[in-house]
Amino acid sequence: MRIGELATKVDVSVRALRYYEEQGLLRSERSASGQRHFAEAAADRVQLIQNLYAAGLSSRTIAELLPCVDAKVSTPESQARLAAERDRIDRQIAELIDTRDRLDAIIEHTKSPDNGCVQAT
């Protein structure tokens, strides 16, 4: 499929797909006229890349881990890297939960009209 078709299918920009390709995260074949053509499996690959980015991994980390994903094998190093990233995400989740709980407490506290806050007019 062409780059525009892939972008539409996975709901990402063409620019993002070009960036993934520049970073070595995604591969395409070029037609005789120079157009990029991606295999059907590229859609799953882009979704994986998007999920890893959303989890906070850098393009460098993703590039280091994708060969293990492709080969369906892992090394002690890749396992340690993945575990470290998982632990980092767990810390972020805990911090977000704490922040949400604090917001809930503020919301509950400010429900009372007698809380000393200035009321909007």
N, C-alpha and C. Protein backbone atom coordinates (compact mmCIF):
# COMPACT_ATOMS: atom_id res chain seq x y z
N MET A 1 0.84 -1.17 0.00
CA MET A 1 0.00 0.00 0.00
C MET A 1 0.89 1.24 0.00
N ARG A 2 0.37 2.32 -0.53
CA ARG A 2 1.14 3.56 -0.58
C ARG A 2 1.08 4.28 0.76
N ILE A 3 1.95 5.25 0.92
CA ILE A 3 2.11 5.91 2.21
C ILE A 3 0.81 6.59 2.68
N GLY A 4 0.10 7.21 1.77
CA GLY A 4 -1.17 7.86 2.13
C GLY A 4 -2.21 6.86 2.59
N GLU A 5 -2.23 5.71 1.95
CA GLU A 5 -3.17 4.65 2.35
C GLU A 5 -2.84 4.13 3.74
N LEU A 6 -1.55 3.93 3.99
CA LEU A 6 -1.13 3.46 5.31
C LEU A 6 -1.47 4.50 6.37
N ALA A 7 -1.20 5.76 6.08
CA ALA A 7 -1.49 6.84 7.03
C ALA A 7 -2.98 6.85 7.38
N THR A 8 -3.82 6.71 6.38
CA THR A 8 -5.26 6.68 6.62
C THR A 8 -5.67 5.45 7.42
N LYS A 9 -5.11 4.32 7.07
CA LYS A 9 -5.47 3.06 7.73
C LYS A 9 -5.14 3.07 9.22
N VAL A 10 -4.00 3.66 9.58
CA VAL A 10 -3.58 3.63 10.98
C VAL A 10 -3.79 4.97 11.68
N ASP A 11 -4.35 5.93 10.96
CA ASP A 11 -4.69 7.25 11.51
C ASP A 11 -3.47 7.97 12.08
N VAL A 12 -2.42 8.03 11.27
CA VAL A 12 -1.24 8.83 11.60
C VAL A 12 -0.90 9.68 10.39
N SER A 13 -0.10 10.68 10.59
CA SER A 13 0.25 11.55 9.48
C SER A 13 1.30 10.89 8.58
N VAL A 14 1.30 11.32 7.34
CA VAL A 14 2.32 10.87 6.40
C VAL A 14 3.69 11.30 6.93
N ARG A 15 3.74 12.46 7.52
CA ARG A 15 5.01 12.95 8.08
C ARG A 15 5.53 12.00 9.15
N ALA A 16 4.64 11.50 10.01
CA ALA A 16 5.06 10.56 11.05
C ALA A 16 5.62 9.29 10.42
N LEU A 17 4.97 8.80 9.38
CA LEU A 17 5.45 7.59 8.71
C LEU A 17 6.83 7.82 8.10
N ARG A 18 7.03 8.98 7.51
CA ARG A 18 8.36 9.29 6.95
C ARG A 18 9.40 9.34 8.06
N TYR A 19 9.03 9.92 9.20
CA TYR A 19 9.95 9.99 10.34
C TYR A 19 10.30 8.58 10.82
N TYR A 20 9.30 7.71 10.94
CA TYR A 20 9.57 6.34 11.37
C TYR A 20 10.53 5.66 10.42
N GLU A 21 10.35 5.93 9.15
CA GLU A 21 11.24 5.34 8.15
C GLU A 21 12.66 5.90 8.29
N GLU A 22 12.77 7.21 8.50
CA GLU A 22 14.08 7.83 8.68
C GLU A 22 14.81 7.27 9.90
N GLN A 23 14.06 6.93 10.93
CA GLN A 23 14.63 6.41 12.17
C GLN A 23 14.91 4.91 12.09
N GLY A 24 14.56 4.29 10.97
CA GLY A 24 14.80 2.86 10.80
C GLY A 24 13.76 1.99 11.51
N LEU A 25 12.62 2.57 11.86
CA LEU A 25 11.58 1.83 12.57
C LEU A 25 10.59 1.16 11.60
N LEU A 26 10.55 1.66 10.39
CA LEU A 26 9.59 1.19 9.40
C LEU A 26 10.30 1.13 8.06
N ARG A 27 9.96 0.12 7.27
CA ARG A 27 10.60 -0.05 5.96
C ARG A 27 9.55 -0.04 4.85
N SER A 28 9.98 0.46 3.72
CA SER A 28 9.13 0.43 2.53
C SER A 28 9.98 0.04 1.34
N GLU A 29 9.31 -0.34 0.30
CA GLU A 29 9.97 -0.58 -0.99
C GLU A 29 9.61 0.61 -1.87
N ARG A 30 10.51 0.94 -2.78
CA ARG A 30 10.26 2.04 -3.71
C ARG A 30 9.86 1.49 -5.07
N SER A 31 8.85 2.11 -5.66
CA SER A 31 8.44 1.74 -7.01
C SER A 31 9.42 2.36 -8.00
N ALA A 32 9.27 2.02 -9.26
CA ALA A 32 10.14 2.58 -10.29
C ALA A 32 10.03 4.10 -10.34
N SER A 33 8.86 4.61 -9.97
CA SER A 33 8.66 6.07 -9.98
C SER A 33 9.05 6.71 -8.65
N GLY A 34 9.55 5.90 -7.71
CA GLY A 34 10.03 6.44 -6.44
C GLY A 34 9.00 6.49 -5.32
N GLN A 35 7.79 6.01 -5.58
CA GLN A 35 6.78 6.01 -4.53
C GLN A 35 7.05 4.92 -3.50
N ARG A 36 6.76 5.24 -2.25
CA ARG A 36 6.90 4.26 -1.18
C ARG A 36 5.73 3.29 -1.23
N HIS A 37 6.05 2.01 -1.04
CA HIS A 37 5.01 0.98 -0.93
C HIS A 37 5.31 0.16 0.32
N PHE A 38 4.30 0.00 1.14
CA PHE A 38 4.42 -0.72 2.40
C PHE A 38 3.66 -2.02 2.36
N ALA A 39 4.19 -3.02 3.03
CA ALA A 39 3.50 -4.31 3.15
C ALA A 39 2.30 -4.13 4.08
N GLU A 40 1.36 -5.04 3.98
CA GLU A 40 0.18 -4.99 4.86
C GLU A 40 0.57 -5.02 6.33
N ALA A 41 1.65 -5.74 6.66
CA ALA A 41 2.10 -5.85 8.05
C ALA A 41 2.57 -4.51 8.62
N ALA A 42 2.79 -3.53 7.75
CA ALA A 42 3.25 -2.22 8.22
C ALA A 42 2.23 -1.56 9.14
N ALA A 43 0.96 -1.82 8.95
CA ALA A 43 -0.07 -1.23 9.81
C ALA A 43 0.11 -1.69 11.25
N ASP A 44 0.33 -2.98 11.45
CA ASP A 44 0.57 -3.48 12.81
C ASP A 44 1.85 -2.89 13.38
N ARG A 45 2.86 -2.77 12.55
CA ARG A 45 4.14 -2.22 12.98
C ARG A 45 3.97 -0.77 13.45
N VAL A 46 3.22 0.02 12.69
CA VAL A 46 3.00 1.42 13.06
C VAL A 46 2.22 1.50 14.37
N GLN A 47 1.24 0.65 14.55
CA GLN A 47 0.48 0.66 15.81
C GLN A 47 1.38 0.32 16.99
N LEU A 48 2.28 -0.64 16.80
CA LEU A 48 3.23 -0.98 17.85
C LEU A 48 4.13 0.22 18.15
N ILE A 49 4.65 0.85 17.12
CA ILE A 49 5.51 2.02 17.29
C ILE A 49 4.76 3.11 18.04
N GLN A 50 3.53 3.37 17.64
CA GLN A 50 2.71 4.38 18.30
C GLN A 50 2.52 4.05 19.78
N ASN A 51 2.25 2.79 20.09
CA ASN A 51 2.07 2.38 21.49
C ASN A 51 3.36 2.56 22.29
N LEU A 52 4.48 2.22 21.69
CA LEU A 52 5.75 2.38 22.39
C LEU A 52 6.08 3.86 22.62
N TYR A 53 5.80 4.69 21.62
CA TYR A 53 5.99 6.13 21.81
C TYR A 53 5.07 6.65 22.91
N ALA A 54 3.81 6.22 22.87
CA ALA A 54 2.84 6.67 23.89
C ALA A 54 3.28 6.24 25.29
N ALA A 55 3.99 5.13 25.38
CA ALA A 55 4.49 4.65 26.67
C ALA A 55 5.74 5.42 27.11
N GLY A 56 6.23 6.30 26.24
CA GLY A 56 7.36 7.13 26.61
C GLY A 56 8.72 6.65 26.13
N LEU A 57 8.75 5.60 25.31
CA LEU A 57 10.03 5.13 24.80
C LEU A 57 10.52 6.07 23.71
N SER A 58 11.83 6.24 23.64
CA SER A 58 12.42 7.08 22.61
C SER A 58 12.54 6.29 21.31
N SER A 59 12.74 7.01 20.21
CA SER A 59 12.93 6.32 18.93
C SER A 59 14.18 5.45 18.97
N ARG A 60 15.21 5.89 19.70
CA ARG A 60 16.43 5.08 19.82
C ARG A 60 16.14 3.76 20.54
N THR A 61 15.40 3.84 21.63
CA THR A 61 15.06 2.63 22.39
C THR A 61 14.20 1.70 21.54
N ILE A 62 13.23 2.28 20.85
CA ILE A 62 12.37 1.47 19.99
C ILE A 62 13.20 0.79 18.90
N ALA A 63 14.10 1.53 18.29
CA ALA A 63 14.96 0.96 17.24
C ALA A 63 15.82 -0.18 17.78
N GLU A 64 16.25 -0.07 19.02
CA GLU A 64 17.06 -1.14 19.62
C GLU A 64 16.23 -2.38 19.93
N LEU A 65 14.97 -2.20 20.24
CA LEU A 65 14.13 -3.32 20.65
C LEU A 65 13.41 -4.01 19.48
N LEU A 66 13.13 -3.27 18.41
CA LEU A 66 12.37 -3.86 17.31
C LEU A 66 13.02 -5.09 16.66
N PRO A 67 14.34 -5.15 16.53
CA PRO A 67 14.91 -6.39 15.96
C PRO A 67 14.56 -7.63 16.80
N CYS A 68 14.52 -7.47 18.11
CA CYS A 68 14.12 -8.60 18.97
C CYS A 68 12.65 -8.94 18.76
N VAL A 69 11.83 -7.92 18.59
CA VAL A 69 10.41 -8.14 18.33
C VAL A 69 10.26 -8.88 17.00
N ASP A 70 10.98 -8.41 15.98
CA ASP A 70 10.89 -9.03 14.65
C ASP A 70 11.34 -10.48 14.66
N ALA A 71 12.41 -10.76 15.39
CA ALA A 71 12.96 -12.11 15.45
C ALA A 71 12.22 -13.00 16.44
N LYS A 72 11.34 -12.37 17.23
CA LYS A 72 10.59 -13.09 18.27
C LYS A 72 11.51 -13.79 19.27
N VAL A 73 12.62 -13.11 19.55
CA VAL A 73 13.56 -13.58 20.57
C VAL A 73 13.96 -12.38 21.41
N SER A 74 14.48 -12.67 22.56
CA SER A 74 14.97 -11.58 23.39
C SER A 74 16.29 -12.00 24.03
N THR A 75 17.05 -11.01 24.33
CA THR A 75 18.32 -11.22 24.99
C THR A 75 18.17 -10.79 26.45
N PRO A 76 19.08 -11.16 27.30
CA PRO A 76 19.01 -10.64 28.68
C PRO A 76 19.02 -9.11 28.70
N GLU A 77 19.75 -8.51 27.78
CA GLU A 77 19.80 -7.05 27.72
C GLU A 77 18.45 -6.46 27.33
N SER A 78 17.81 -7.04 26.32
CA SER A 78 16.51 -6.50 25.90
C SER A 78 15.46 -6.73 26.97
N GLN A 79 15.53 -7.88 27.65
CA GLN A 79 14.61 -8.13 28.75
C GLN A 79 14.79 -7.11 29.87
N ALA A 80 16.05 -6.80 30.19
CA ALA A 80 16.32 -5.81 31.23
C ALA A 80 15.82 -4.43 30.80
N ARG A 81 16.03 -4.09 29.53
CA ARG A 81 15.57 -2.79 29.02
C ARG A 81 14.06 -2.69 29.08
N LEU A 82 13.38 -3.75 28.66
CA LEU A 82 11.92 -3.75 28.71
C LEU A 82 11.41 -3.67 30.14
N ALA A 83 12.05 -4.39 31.04
CA ALA A 83 11.64 -4.36 32.45
C ALA A 83 11.85 -2.96 33.03
N ALA A 84 12.94 -2.31 32.66
CA ALA A 84 13.20 -0.95 33.15
C ALA A 84 12.15 0.02 32.63
N GLU A 85 11.78 -0.13 31.37
CA GLU A 85 10.74 0.73 30.79
C GLU A 85 9.40 0.47 31.47
N ARG A 86 9.09 -0.80 31.71
CA ARG A 86 7.84 -1.14 32.40
C ARG A 86 7.83 -0.53 33.79
N ASP A 87 8.95 -0.60 34.51
CA ASP A 87 9.03 -0.03 35.85
C ASP A 87 8.85 1.49 35.81
N ARG A 88 9.42 2.13 34.79
CA ARG A 88 9.26 3.58 34.63
C ARG A 88 7.79 3.92 34.41
N ILE A 89 7.12 3.15 33.57
CA ILE A 89 5.71 3.37 33.29
C ILE A 89 4.88 3.14 34.56
N ASP A 90 5.22 2.11 35.33
CA ASP A 90 4.52 1.86 36.59
C ASP A 90 4.66 3.06 37.53
N ARG A 91 5.84 3.66 37.57
CA ARG A 91 6.03 4.85 38.42
C ARG A 91 5.17 6.01 37.92
N GLN A 92 5.12 6.18 36.62
CA GLN A 92 4.29 7.25 36.05
C GLN A 92 2.82 7.02 36.39
N ILE A 93 2.37 5.78 36.28
CA ILE A 93 0.98 5.45 36.60
C ILE A 93 0.70 5.78 38.07
N ALA A 94 1.60 5.40 38.95
CA ALA A 94 1.41 5.67 40.38
C ALA A 94 1.33 7.18 40.63
N GLU A 95 2.20 7.94 39.96
CA GLU A 95 2.17 9.40 40.11
C GLU A 95 0.86 9.98 39.59
N LEU A 96 0.38 9.48 38.47
CA LEU A 96 -0.88 9.96 37.92
C LEU A 96 -2.05 9.62 38.84
N ILE A 97 -2.03 8.44 39.40
CA ILE A 97 -3.09 8.05 40.34
C ILE A 97 -3.07 8.97 41.55
N ASP A 98 -1.89 9.27 42.07
CA ASP A 98 -1.76 10.19 43.20
C ASP A 98 -2.30 11.57 42.83
N THR A 99 -1.96 12.06 41.64
CA THR A 99 -2.45 13.36 41.20
C THR A 99 -3.97 13.34 41.06
N ARG A 100 -4.52 12.28 40.49
CA ARG A 100 -5.97 12.16 40.36
C ARG A 100 -6.64 12.17 41.73
N ASP A 101 -6.07 11.43 42.68
CA ASP A 101 -6.63 11.38 44.03
C ASP A 101 -6.61 12.76 44.68
N ARG A 102 -5.53 13.52 44.46
CA ARG A 102 -5.47 14.88 45.00
C ARG A 102 -6.52 15.77 44.37
N LEU A 103 -6.70 15.64 43.06
CA LEU A 103 -7.75 16.41 42.39
C LEU A 103 -9.12 16.04 42.91
N ASP A 104 -9.36 14.75 43.12
CA ASP A 104 -10.64 14.31 43.69
C ASP A 104 -10.87 14.96 45.04
N ALA A 105 -9.84 15.03 45.87
CA ALA A 105 -9.96 15.65 47.19
C ALA A 105 -10.26 17.14 47.06
N ILE A 106 -9.61 17.81 46.12
CA ILE A 106 -9.88 19.23 45.91
C ILE A 106 -11.31 19.44 45.42
N ILE A 107 -11.74 18.60 44.49
CA ILE A 107 -13.11 18.70 43.98
C ILE A 107 -14.11 18.52 45.12
N GLU A 108 -13.87 17.52 45.94
CA GLU A 108 -14.77 17.25 47.06
C GLU A 108 -14.77 18.43 48.04
N HIS A 109 -13.60 18.96 48.32
CA HIS A 109 -13.48 20.08 49.26
C HIS A 109 -14.15 21.34 48.73
N THR A 110 -14.06 21.56 47.44
CA THR A 110 -14.59 22.80 46.87
C THR A 110 -16.07 22.71 46.49
N LYS A 111 -16.72 21.59 46.74
CA LYS A 111 -18.16 21.48 46.50
C LYS A 111 -18.94 22.37 47.44
N SER A 112 -18.44 22.57 48.63
CA SER A 112 -19.12 23.38 49.63
C SER A 112 -19.00 24.85 49.27
N PRO A 113 -20.15 25.59 49.25
CA PRO A 113 -20.07 27.03 48.93
C PRO A 113 -19.41 27.82 50.04
N ASP A 114 -19.18 27.20 51.18
CA ASP A 114 -18.62 27.88 52.35
C ASP A 114 -17.15 27.56 52.53
N ASN A 115 -16.40 27.38 51.42
CA ASN A 115 -15.01 26.93 51.53
C ASN A 115 -14.00 28.06 51.49
N GLY A 116 -14.45 29.30 51.42
CA GLY A 116 -13.53 30.41 51.42
C GLY A 116 -12.98 30.80 50.06
N CYS A 117 -13.37 30.08 49.01
CA CYS A 117 -12.90 30.41 47.66
C CYS A 117 -13.76 31.54 47.10
N VAL A 118 -13.17 32.35 46.26
CA VAL A 118 -13.90 33.42 45.60
C VAL A 118 -14.84 32.79 44.60
N GLN A 119 -16.09 33.22 44.63
CA GLN A 119 -17.08 32.69 43.70
C GLN A 119 -17.09 33.54 42.43
N ALA A 120 -17.18 32.90 41.28
CA ALA A 120 -17.27 33.62 40.02
C ALA A 120 -18.64 34.25 39.91
N THR A 121 -18.68 35.42 39.30
CA THR A 121 -19.98 36.10 39.15
C THR A 121 -20.35 36.22 37.71
